[in-house]
Protein backbone atom coordinates (compact mmCIF):
# COMPACT_ATOMS: atom_id res chain seq x y z
CA MET A 1 -2.90 64.81 123.87
CA ASN A 2 -4.67 65.82 120.72
CA GLN A 3 -3.92 68.88 118.57
CA SER A 4 -7.02 70.72 119.74
CA TRP A 5 -5.74 70.53 123.35
CA GLU A 6 -2.27 71.70 122.30
CA ASP A 7 -3.81 74.56 120.39
CA ARG A 8 -5.83 75.73 123.41
CA VAL A 9 -2.77 75.54 125.63
CA ALA A 10 -0.77 77.57 123.12
CA ALA A 11 -3.58 80.09 122.97
CA ALA A 12 -3.58 80.39 126.74
CA TRP A 13 0.18 81.00 126.75
CA ALA A 14 -0.20 83.47 123.85
CA ALA A 15 -2.53 85.48 126.12
CA PHE A 16 -0.34 85.23 129.19
CA ASP A 17 0.82 88.85 129.00
CA GLU A 18 -2.84 89.95 129.29
CA TYR A 19 -2.82 88.77 132.92
CA PRO A 20 -1.34 91.39 135.20
CA GLU A 21 0.36 90.19 138.37
CA GLU A 22 -2.73 90.60 140.48
CA ARG A 23 -4.59 88.24 138.10
CA ALA A 24 -1.92 85.57 137.95
CA HIS A 25 -4.23 83.18 139.85
CA GLU A 26 -6.66 83.40 136.94
CA PHE A 27 -4.03 82.33 134.48
CA ARG A 28 -3.01 79.40 136.70
CA ALA A 29 -6.70 78.43 136.99
CA LEU A 30 -7.00 78.45 133.20
CA ILE A 31 -3.97 76.08 132.90
CA ASP A 32 -5.44 73.88 135.67
CA THR A 33 -8.67 73.63 133.71
CA LEU A 34 -6.82 72.49 130.60
CA VAL A 35 -4.71 70.10 132.65
CA ALA A 36 -7.88 68.55 134.06
CA GLU A 37 -8.68 67.22 130.63
CA LEU A 38 -5.53 65.06 130.61
CA PRO A 39 -5.27 61.59 131.97
CA ASP A 40 -4.19 61.58 135.60
CA ASP A 41 -0.76 60.07 134.83
CA SER A 42 0.08 62.41 131.94
CA PRO A 43 3.47 64.12 132.31
CA LEU A 44 2.03 67.13 130.41
CA GLY A 45 -0.15 68.08 133.35
CA PRO A 46 2.68 68.75 135.87
CA PHE A 47 4.79 70.32 133.04
CA GLU A 48 2.08 72.91 132.16
CA ARG A 49 1.25 73.59 135.87
CA ALA A 50 4.98 74.05 136.60
CA CYS A 51 5.32 76.50 133.75
CA ALA A 52 2.35 78.48 135.02
CA TRP A 53 3.67 78.68 138.56
CA ASP A 54 7.10 79.52 137.34
CA SER A 55 5.90 82.19 134.94
CA THR A 56 3.93 83.86 137.70
CA GLY A 57 6.89 84.11 140.03
CA HIS A 58 6.62 80.92 142.13
CA SER A 59 9.80 78.92 141.40
CA ASP A 60 9.31 77.10 144.73
CA LYS A 61 6.03 75.66 143.56
CA ALA A 62 7.27 74.90 140.10
CA VAL A 63 10.28 72.77 141.05
CA PRO A 64 8.41 69.74 142.30
CA LEU A 65 6.02 69.85 139.36
CA TYR A 66 8.91 70.01 136.89
CA ARG A 67 10.49 66.96 138.61
CA GLU A 68 7.16 65.10 138.51
CA ALA A 69 6.81 65.79 134.77
CA LEU A 70 10.25 64.32 134.13
CA GLU A 71 9.63 61.35 136.43
CA ARG A 72 6.37 60.54 134.62
CA GLY A 73 8.24 60.27 131.31
CA LEU A 74 7.88 63.65 129.65
CA GLY A 75 10.93 62.79 127.54
CA ASP A 76 9.00 59.93 125.98
CA VAL A 77 6.01 62.09 125.21
CA SER A 78 7.97 65.19 124.04
CA PRO A 79 11.78 65.27 124.09
CA TYR A 80 11.53 69.01 123.28
CA LYS A 81 9.35 69.80 126.32
CA ALA A 82 11.58 67.61 128.44
CA ARG A 83 14.58 69.75 127.38
CA ARG A 84 12.52 72.84 128.18
CA THR A 85 11.73 71.35 131.57
CA LYS A 86 15.40 70.84 132.36
CA ILE A 87 16.14 74.48 131.42
CA GLN A 88 13.27 75.83 133.41
CA LEU A 89 13.86 73.54 136.40
CA SER A 90 17.47 74.64 136.48
CA SER A 91 16.43 78.28 136.45
CA SER A 92 13.94 77.70 139.22
CA LEU A 93 16.48 75.76 141.26
CA ARG A 94 18.79 78.72 140.97
CA ASN A 95 16.04 81.04 142.09
CA ILE A 96 15.52 79.02 145.27
CA GLY A 97 19.23 78.78 146.06
CA GLN A 98 20.03 75.37 144.56
CA ALA A 99 22.15 76.49 141.64
CA GLU A 100 24.54 73.50 142.00
CA GLU A 101 21.66 71.15 141.21
CA GLY A 102 20.86 73.32 138.21
CA VAL A 103 24.44 72.99 136.96
CA LYS A 104 24.24 69.21 137.37
CA LEU A 105 20.99 69.07 135.46
CA LEU A 106 22.06 71.28 132.51
CA THR A 107 25.67 70.23 131.98
CA PRO A 108 24.75 67.03 130.10
CA GLU A 109 22.49 69.16 127.85
CA LEU A 110 25.65 70.77 126.37
CA ASP A 111 26.21 67.44 124.61
CA ALA A 112 22.62 66.82 123.62
CA PRO A 113 21.60 66.98 119.96
CA CYS A 114 21.47 70.58 118.80
CA ASP A 115 18.19 72.44 118.60
CA GLU A 116 16.79 75.89 119.04
CA LEU A 117 17.10 75.56 122.88
CA ASP A 118 20.93 75.35 122.81
CA ASP A 119 21.41 79.04 123.60
CA ALA A 120 18.82 78.88 126.42
CA VAL A 121 20.74 75.94 127.95
CA ARG A 122 23.93 77.89 127.86
CA GLY A 123 22.32 81.08 129.21
CA CYS A 124 20.64 79.32 132.08
CA LEU A 125 23.71 77.28 132.87
CA ALA A 126 25.75 80.54 132.84
CA LEU A 127 23.42 82.03 135.42
CA CYS A 128 23.65 78.90 137.60
CA LEU A 129 27.45 79.03 137.38
CA SER A 130 27.49 82.75 138.23
CA SER A 131 25.33 82.08 141.31
CA LEU A 132 28.08 79.68 142.40
CA GLY A 133 30.80 82.29 141.88
CA ARG A 134 31.99 80.65 138.66
CA ASP A 135 31.56 83.75 136.52
CA ARG A 136 34.41 83.04 134.02
CA GLU A 137 32.80 79.71 133.13
CA GLY A 138 29.39 81.37 132.76
CA LEU A 139 30.76 84.16 130.60
CA SER A 140 32.54 81.63 128.43
CA LEU A 141 29.21 79.83 127.79
CA VAL A 142 27.40 83.09 126.98
CA LEU A 143 30.17 84.35 124.58
CA GLY A 144 30.25 80.92 123.00
CA ALA A 145 26.49 81.04 122.43
CA LEU A 146 26.59 84.60 121.15
CA ALA A 147 29.43 84.17 118.69
CA PRO A 148 27.56 82.38 115.91
CA HIS A 149 24.91 85.12 115.89
CA LEU A 150 27.31 87.98 115.32
CA PRO A 151 27.67 89.45 111.84
CA ARG A 152 31.44 89.63 112.38
CA TYR A 153 33.96 88.53 114.95
CA GLN A 154 32.53 85.00 115.30
CA ARG A 155 36.02 83.43 115.45
CA SER A 156 37.41 85.98 117.83
CA MET A 157 34.50 85.70 120.27
CA ALA A 158 34.62 81.91 120.16
CA ASN A 159 38.38 82.09 120.88
CA TYR A 160 37.81 84.54 123.73
CA ALA A 161 35.15 82.23 125.16
CA ARG A 162 37.57 79.29 125.20
CA ALA A 163 40.36 81.38 126.66
CA LEU A 164 38.21 82.25 129.69
CA VAL A 165 38.19 78.61 130.82
CA GLU A 166 41.37 77.13 129.39
CA PRO A 167 44.41 77.12 131.66
CA GLU A 168 46.77 80.04 130.92
CA ALA A 169 49.91 79.20 129.00
C-alpha cells in the first residue's frame, strides 16, 4: 500500500491506548475501515485485523487472520511484518492452548537474520516452552536474550543460559 495508508495505520495504532476496553470495538472498526481500502487479496488486511483482535484480547479470532496473512504472502510484501506475525501468532496460539504449535512456528526464527525482533522471538518462545513445562529451556532463551543488554556480566549470563540446557558433565 502507499505511504499515506501506512501513516494512517500507524496513527491508529499510536492512538490505541486511548480506547478503553469497553471501546475496543471502535478501534477494531477503525482498523476495518482502513483495511477496506486495500485490495481484497492483500495480506496486509488480515495482518492488521489480526493485530486489532489480538490487542483487544481475542487471540482466538486473531489466529486464523494471522494464518491468512502468511498464506497470502505477507513475507513477500513485508518480511518484517511476517516475522511480527509469527511472533504474535505464536503468542496467540499459546493463549488458546496450542503452545506446541507456537514452538514449531518460532523455533526456526532463532536462525533467521538478526533484527530488532530477536528478543521478542526469544521471549515469546520462552513463554510457549514454559506453557509446555519446559521452563529451563525458556529461561535459557530469556537469559541469552538479556545478556547482551546488561552493563556487566554479559559473559556470565550467556554461560548460565547455555548451562541451563546443556547436559550436565
